[in-house]
Structures are given as structure tokens and as C-alpha cells.
């Protein structure tokens, strides 16, 4: 496959753990509700730097630090973005 020519393994070496009670059901429901009701996370169209529009198979949305939330900081080809909400900031921490 041609795409395999460009794929390289990441040199990421770390241990990952599953934390069963990472979020309470109440917190998980609140975060899901906030994300799905307050942000357009379904837009699959990405405007490229030349102005053309590409449609991806999945939508993209970035939650980021305030200084990266504008289209001046990250081109709109990266998709929609917002600064961390209070609920998401708790997860990020």
C-alpha cells in the first residue's frame, strides 16, 4: 500500500494504564453533553491554506490552550477549535 511508505512508527516509549474510575459517570455525562451541545464537532469540511475545501472521513475539533484557539494561531485546516472549558480543563489536569 502506498500510504505505508510514509508511515513511520513513533518513538514513544511509555507505560499506559487503565483507570476504571478516572471519571465518574456524572462527570462523563456532563462532559459529553457539553461537547455535543456547545460545539460543532460534526463538521467534516476542512478549509485548506489555498482556500480549497477537503472533506475528511471524520470530523476534527481541537480543545487547546487559549493562545492557540484562534485561526491566527492555527490555520483553519486544523478544524474547529476552542479553549479548554472548565470541565475539560479538569480532565486535562
N, C-alpha and C. Protein backbone atom coordinates (compact mmCIF):
# COMPACT_ATOMS: atom_id res chain seq x y z
N UNK A 1 0.83 -1.17 0.00
CA UNK A 1 0.00 0.00 0.00
C UNK A 1 0.88 1.25 0.00
N UNK A 2 0.57 2.23 -0.83
CA UNK A 2 1.38 3.43 -0.95
C UNK A 2 1.48 4.20 0.36
N UNK A 3 0.37 4.30 1.11
CA UNK A 3 0.40 5.07 2.36
C UNK A 3 1.40 4.50 3.36
N UNK A 4 1.68 3.21 3.28
CA UNK A 4 2.64 2.60 4.19
C UNK A 4 4.06 3.12 3.98
N UNK A 5 4.34 3.65 2.79
CA UNK A 5 5.66 4.21 2.52
C UNK A 5 5.93 5.43 3.38
N UNK A 6 4.87 6.11 3.78
CA UNK A 6 5.01 7.35 4.55
C UNK A 6 4.78 7.15 6.04
N UNK A 7 4.37 5.97 6.43
CA UNK A 7 4.07 5.71 7.83
C UNK A 7 5.33 5.26 8.55
N UNK A 8 5.62 5.90 9.66
CA UNK A 8 6.77 5.53 10.46
C UNK A 8 6.30 5.35 11.90
N UNK A 9 6.86 4.39 12.60
CA UNK A 9 6.46 4.21 14.00
C UNK A 9 6.93 5.40 14.83
N UNK A 10 6.13 5.77 15.80
CA UNK A 10 6.52 6.84 16.71
C UNK A 10 7.53 6.32 17.71
N UNK A 11 8.46 7.15 18.07
CA UNK A 11 9.46 6.74 19.05
C UNK A 11 8.97 7.11 20.45
N UNK A 12 7.78 6.67 20.75
CA UNK A 12 7.15 6.97 22.03
C UNK A 12 7.27 5.74 22.92
N UNK A 13 7.96 5.90 24.02
CA UNK A 13 8.13 4.78 24.94
C UNK A 13 7.54 5.20 26.28
N UNK A 14 6.43 4.62 26.62
CA UNK A 14 5.79 4.95 27.89
C UNK A 14 4.89 3.81 28.31
N UNK A 15 4.51 3.83 29.55
CA UNK A 15 3.55 2.86 30.05
C UNK A 15 2.20 3.54 30.11
N UNK A 16 1.16 2.81 29.78
CA UNK A 16 -0.20 3.34 29.85
C UNK A 16 -1.00 2.45 30.79
N UNK A 17 -1.89 3.05 31.51
CA UNK A 17 -2.70 2.32 32.47
C UNK A 17 -4.17 2.66 32.30
N UNK A 18 -5.02 1.72 32.53
CA UNK A 18 -6.46 1.93 32.52
C UNK A 18 -6.90 2.27 33.94
N UNK A 19 -7.56 3.40 34.09
CA UNK A 19 -8.08 3.80 35.39
C UNK A 19 -9.59 3.72 35.33
N UNK A 20 -10.13 2.69 35.91
CA UNK A 20 -11.56 2.42 35.82
C UNK A 20 -12.41 3.58 36.30
N UNK A 21 -12.00 4.25 37.35
CA UNK A 21 -12.79 5.34 37.91
C UNK A 21 -12.19 6.70 37.60
N UNK A 22 -11.59 6.83 36.44
CA UNK A 22 -10.97 8.09 36.03
C UNK A 22 -11.99 9.23 36.08
N UNK A 23 -13.17 8.97 35.56
CA UNK A 23 -14.28 9.92 35.61
C UNK A 23 -15.48 9.23 36.22
N UNK A 24 -16.20 9.97 37.01
CA UNK A 24 -17.47 9.42 37.49
C UNK A 24 -18.45 9.42 36.33
N UNK A 25 -19.48 8.63 36.42
CA UNK A 25 -20.50 8.60 35.36
C UNK A 25 -21.12 9.99 35.21
N UNK A 26 -21.30 10.67 36.31
CA UNK A 26 -21.89 12.02 36.28
C UNK A 26 -20.98 12.99 35.53
N UNK A 27 -19.68 12.97 35.81
CA UNK A 27 -18.73 13.84 35.11
C UNK A 27 -18.65 13.49 33.63
N UNK A 28 -18.60 12.21 33.31
CA UNK A 28 -18.52 11.78 31.91
C UNK A 28 -19.75 12.25 31.14
N UNK A 29 -20.92 12.12 31.74
CA UNK A 29 -22.17 12.56 31.10
C UNK A 29 -22.16 14.07 30.90
N UNK A 30 -21.69 14.81 31.90
CA UNK A 30 -21.65 16.27 31.81
C UNK A 30 -20.70 16.72 30.70
N UNK A 31 -19.53 16.09 30.61
CA UNK A 31 -18.56 16.44 29.57
C UNK A 31 -19.11 16.10 28.19
N UNK A 32 -19.68 14.92 28.04
CA UNK A 32 -20.26 14.53 26.75
C UNK A 32 -21.35 15.51 26.34
N UNK A 33 -22.22 15.86 27.27
CA UNK A 33 -23.31 16.80 26.99
C UNK A 33 -22.77 18.16 26.58
N UNK A 34 -21.76 18.64 27.29
CA UNK A 34 -21.17 19.93 26.95
C UNK A 34 -20.55 19.91 25.56
N UNK A 35 -19.78 18.89 25.26
CA UNK A 35 -19.10 18.81 23.96
C UNK A 35 -20.11 18.71 22.81
N UNK A 36 -21.12 17.87 22.96
CA UNK A 36 -22.06 17.65 21.86
C UNK A 36 -23.08 18.76 21.71
N UNK A 37 -23.31 19.56 22.74
CA UNK A 37 -24.31 20.63 22.62
C UNK A 37 -23.70 22.01 22.39
N UNK A 38 -22.49 22.24 22.82
CA UNK A 38 -21.91 23.58 22.75
C UNK A 38 -20.92 23.78 21.60
N UNK A 39 -20.52 22.71 20.93
CA UNK A 39 -19.50 22.81 19.88
C UNK A 39 -19.94 22.03 18.65
N UNK A 40 -19.57 22.55 17.47
CA UNK A 40 -19.88 21.84 16.22
C UNK A 40 -18.77 20.82 15.97
N UNK A 41 -18.99 19.63 16.49
CA UNK A 41 -17.97 18.58 16.35
C UNK A 41 -18.28 17.64 15.19
N UNK A 42 -19.25 18.00 14.35
CA UNK A 42 -19.64 17.12 13.25
C UNK A 42 -19.17 17.62 11.89
N UNK A 43 -18.59 18.80 11.82
CA UNK A 43 -18.16 19.37 10.54
C UNK A 43 -16.96 18.61 10.00
N UNK A 44 -17.12 17.99 8.86
CA UNK A 44 -16.05 17.20 8.24
C UNK A 44 -15.29 17.99 7.18
N UNK A 45 -15.71 19.24 6.93
CA UNK A 45 -15.06 20.06 5.91
C UNK A 45 -13.90 20.84 6.51
N UNK A 46 -12.77 20.77 5.83
CA UNK A 46 -11.57 21.48 6.26
C UNK A 46 -11.15 22.43 5.16
N UNK A 47 -11.00 23.71 5.49
CA UNK A 47 -10.55 24.69 4.52
C UNK A 47 -9.03 24.71 4.51
N UNK A 48 -8.46 24.42 3.37
CA UNK A 48 -7.01 24.33 3.24
C UNK A 48 -6.41 25.72 3.05
N UNK A 49 -5.09 25.84 3.13
CA UNK A 49 -4.44 27.15 3.05
C UNK A 49 -4.64 27.82 1.69
N UNK A 50 -4.91 27.05 0.65
CA UNK A 50 -5.16 27.64 -0.67
C UNK A 50 -6.62 28.00 -0.88
N UNK A 51 -7.47 27.79 0.14
CA UNK A 51 -8.89 28.12 0.05
C UNK A 51 -9.76 26.96 -0.37
N UNK A 52 -9.17 25.88 -0.86
CA UNK A 52 -9.97 24.72 -1.25
C UNK A 52 -10.51 24.03 0.00
N UNK A 53 -11.57 23.28 -0.19
CA UNK A 53 -12.20 22.59 0.93
C UNK A 53 -12.07 21.09 0.72
N UNK A 54 -11.59 20.41 1.73
CA UNK A 54 -11.49 18.95 1.71
C UNK A 54 -12.49 18.41 2.72
N UNK A 55 -13.09 17.30 2.37
CA UNK A 55 -14.00 16.63 3.29
C UNK A 55 -13.31 15.38 3.82
N UNK A 56 -13.15 15.32 5.12
CA UNK A 56 -12.48 14.18 5.73
C UNK A 56 -13.51 13.11 6.10
N UNK A 57 -13.04 11.94 6.41
CA UNK A 57 -13.95 10.86 6.80
C UNK A 57 -14.48 11.06 8.20
N UNK A 58 -13.73 11.76 9.02
CA UNK A 58 -14.18 12.05 10.38
C UNK A 58 -14.04 13.54 10.62
N UNK A 59 -14.82 14.05 11.53
CA UNK A 59 -14.69 15.46 11.87
C UNK A 59 -13.51 15.65 12.82
N UNK A 60 -13.01 16.88 12.87
CA UNK A 60 -11.93 17.18 13.79
C UNK A 60 -12.30 18.39 14.62
N UNK A 61 -11.92 18.37 15.86
CA UNK A 61 -12.15 19.50 16.76
C UNK A 61 -11.05 19.47 17.80
N UNK A 62 -10.45 20.61 18.06
CA UNK A 62 -9.34 20.69 18.99
C UNK A 62 -9.73 21.53 20.20
N UNK A 63 -9.47 21.01 21.37
CA UNK A 63 -9.55 21.80 22.59
C UNK A 63 -8.12 22.09 22.98
N UNK A 64 -7.82 23.37 23.20
CA UNK A 64 -6.44 23.78 23.36
C UNK A 64 -6.32 24.94 24.34
N UNK A 65 -5.10 25.31 24.63
CA UNK A 65 -4.87 26.49 25.45
C UNK A 65 -5.36 27.73 24.70
N UNK A 66 -5.74 28.73 25.45
CA UNK A 66 -6.35 29.95 24.88
C UNK A 66 -5.54 30.55 23.73
N UNK A 67 -4.22 30.58 23.86
CA UNK A 67 -3.40 31.24 22.83
C UNK A 67 -3.40 30.50 21.49
N UNK A 68 -3.87 29.26 21.46
CA UNK A 68 -3.93 28.51 20.21
C UNK A 68 -5.35 28.35 19.68
N UNK A 69 -6.31 28.97 20.32
CA UNK A 69 -7.71 28.76 19.96
C UNK A 69 -8.16 29.60 18.77
N UNK A 70 -7.39 30.56 18.32
CA UNK A 70 -7.80 31.40 17.20
C UNK A 70 -7.26 30.84 15.88
N UNK A 71 -7.88 31.27 14.77
CA UNK A 71 -7.40 30.85 13.46
C UNK A 71 -6.08 31.54 13.12
N UNK A 72 -5.74 32.61 13.85
CA UNK A 72 -4.44 33.25 13.64
C UNK A 72 -3.31 32.36 14.15
N UNK A 73 -3.57 31.63 15.22
CA UNK A 73 -2.55 30.77 15.81
C UNK A 73 -2.42 29.44 15.07
N UNK A 74 -3.54 28.84 14.72
CA UNK A 74 -3.56 27.58 13.97
C UNK A 74 -4.48 27.76 12.78
N UNK A 75 -4.00 27.48 11.59
CA UNK A 75 -4.81 27.63 10.39
C UNK A 75 -6.09 26.81 10.49
N UNK A 76 -7.13 27.29 9.83
CA UNK A 76 -8.42 26.59 9.92
C UNK A 76 -8.39 25.18 9.32
N UNK A 77 -7.32 24.84 8.60
CA UNK A 77 -7.20 23.47 8.09
C UNK A 77 -7.13 22.46 9.23
N UNK A 78 -6.79 22.93 10.42
CA UNK A 78 -6.76 22.04 11.59
C UNK A 78 -8.16 21.74 12.10
N UNK A 79 -9.15 22.42 11.59
CA UNK A 79 -10.53 22.18 12.01
C UNK A 79 -10.95 23.13 13.11
N UNK A 80 -12.15 22.89 13.63
CA UNK A 80 -12.68 23.74 14.69
C UNK A 80 -11.85 23.62 15.95
N UNK A 81 -11.90 24.68 16.74
CA UNK A 81 -11.14 24.65 17.99
C UNK A 81 -11.73 25.63 18.98
N UNK A 82 -11.50 25.35 20.23
CA UNK A 82 -11.92 26.20 21.34
C UNK A 82 -10.92 26.04 22.46
N UNK A 83 -10.92 27.04 23.32
CA UNK A 83 -10.12 26.92 24.54
C UNK A 83 -10.77 25.88 25.43
N UNK A 84 -9.98 25.30 26.31
CA UNK A 84 -10.49 24.31 27.25
C UNK A 84 -11.67 24.89 28.02
N UNK A 85 -12.72 24.14 28.17
CA UNK A 85 -13.81 24.54 29.05
C UNK A 85 -13.40 24.16 30.47
N UNK A 86 -14.14 24.65 31.45
CA UNK A 86 -13.82 24.33 32.85
C UNK A 86 -13.87 22.82 33.08
N UNK A 87 -14.88 22.14 32.51
CA UNK A 87 -14.99 20.69 32.69
C UNK A 87 -13.83 19.95 32.04
N UNK A 88 -13.49 20.32 30.81
CA UNK A 88 -12.40 19.64 30.12
C UNK A 88 -11.05 19.95 30.74
N UNK A 89 -10.90 21.15 31.29
CA UNK A 89 -9.64 21.50 31.95
C UNK A 89 -9.39 20.59 33.15
N UNK A 90 -10.44 20.18 33.82
CA UNK A 90 -10.28 19.25 34.95
C UNK A 90 -9.73 17.91 34.46
N UNK A 91 -10.16 17.44 33.32
CA UNK A 91 -9.66 16.18 32.76
C UNK A 91 -8.21 16.36 32.31
N UNK A 92 -7.94 17.48 31.67
CA UNK A 92 -6.58 17.77 31.19
C UNK A 92 -5.58 17.78 32.33
N UNK A 93 -5.97 18.34 33.45
CA UNK A 93 -5.08 18.43 34.61
C UNK A 93 -4.76 17.04 35.07
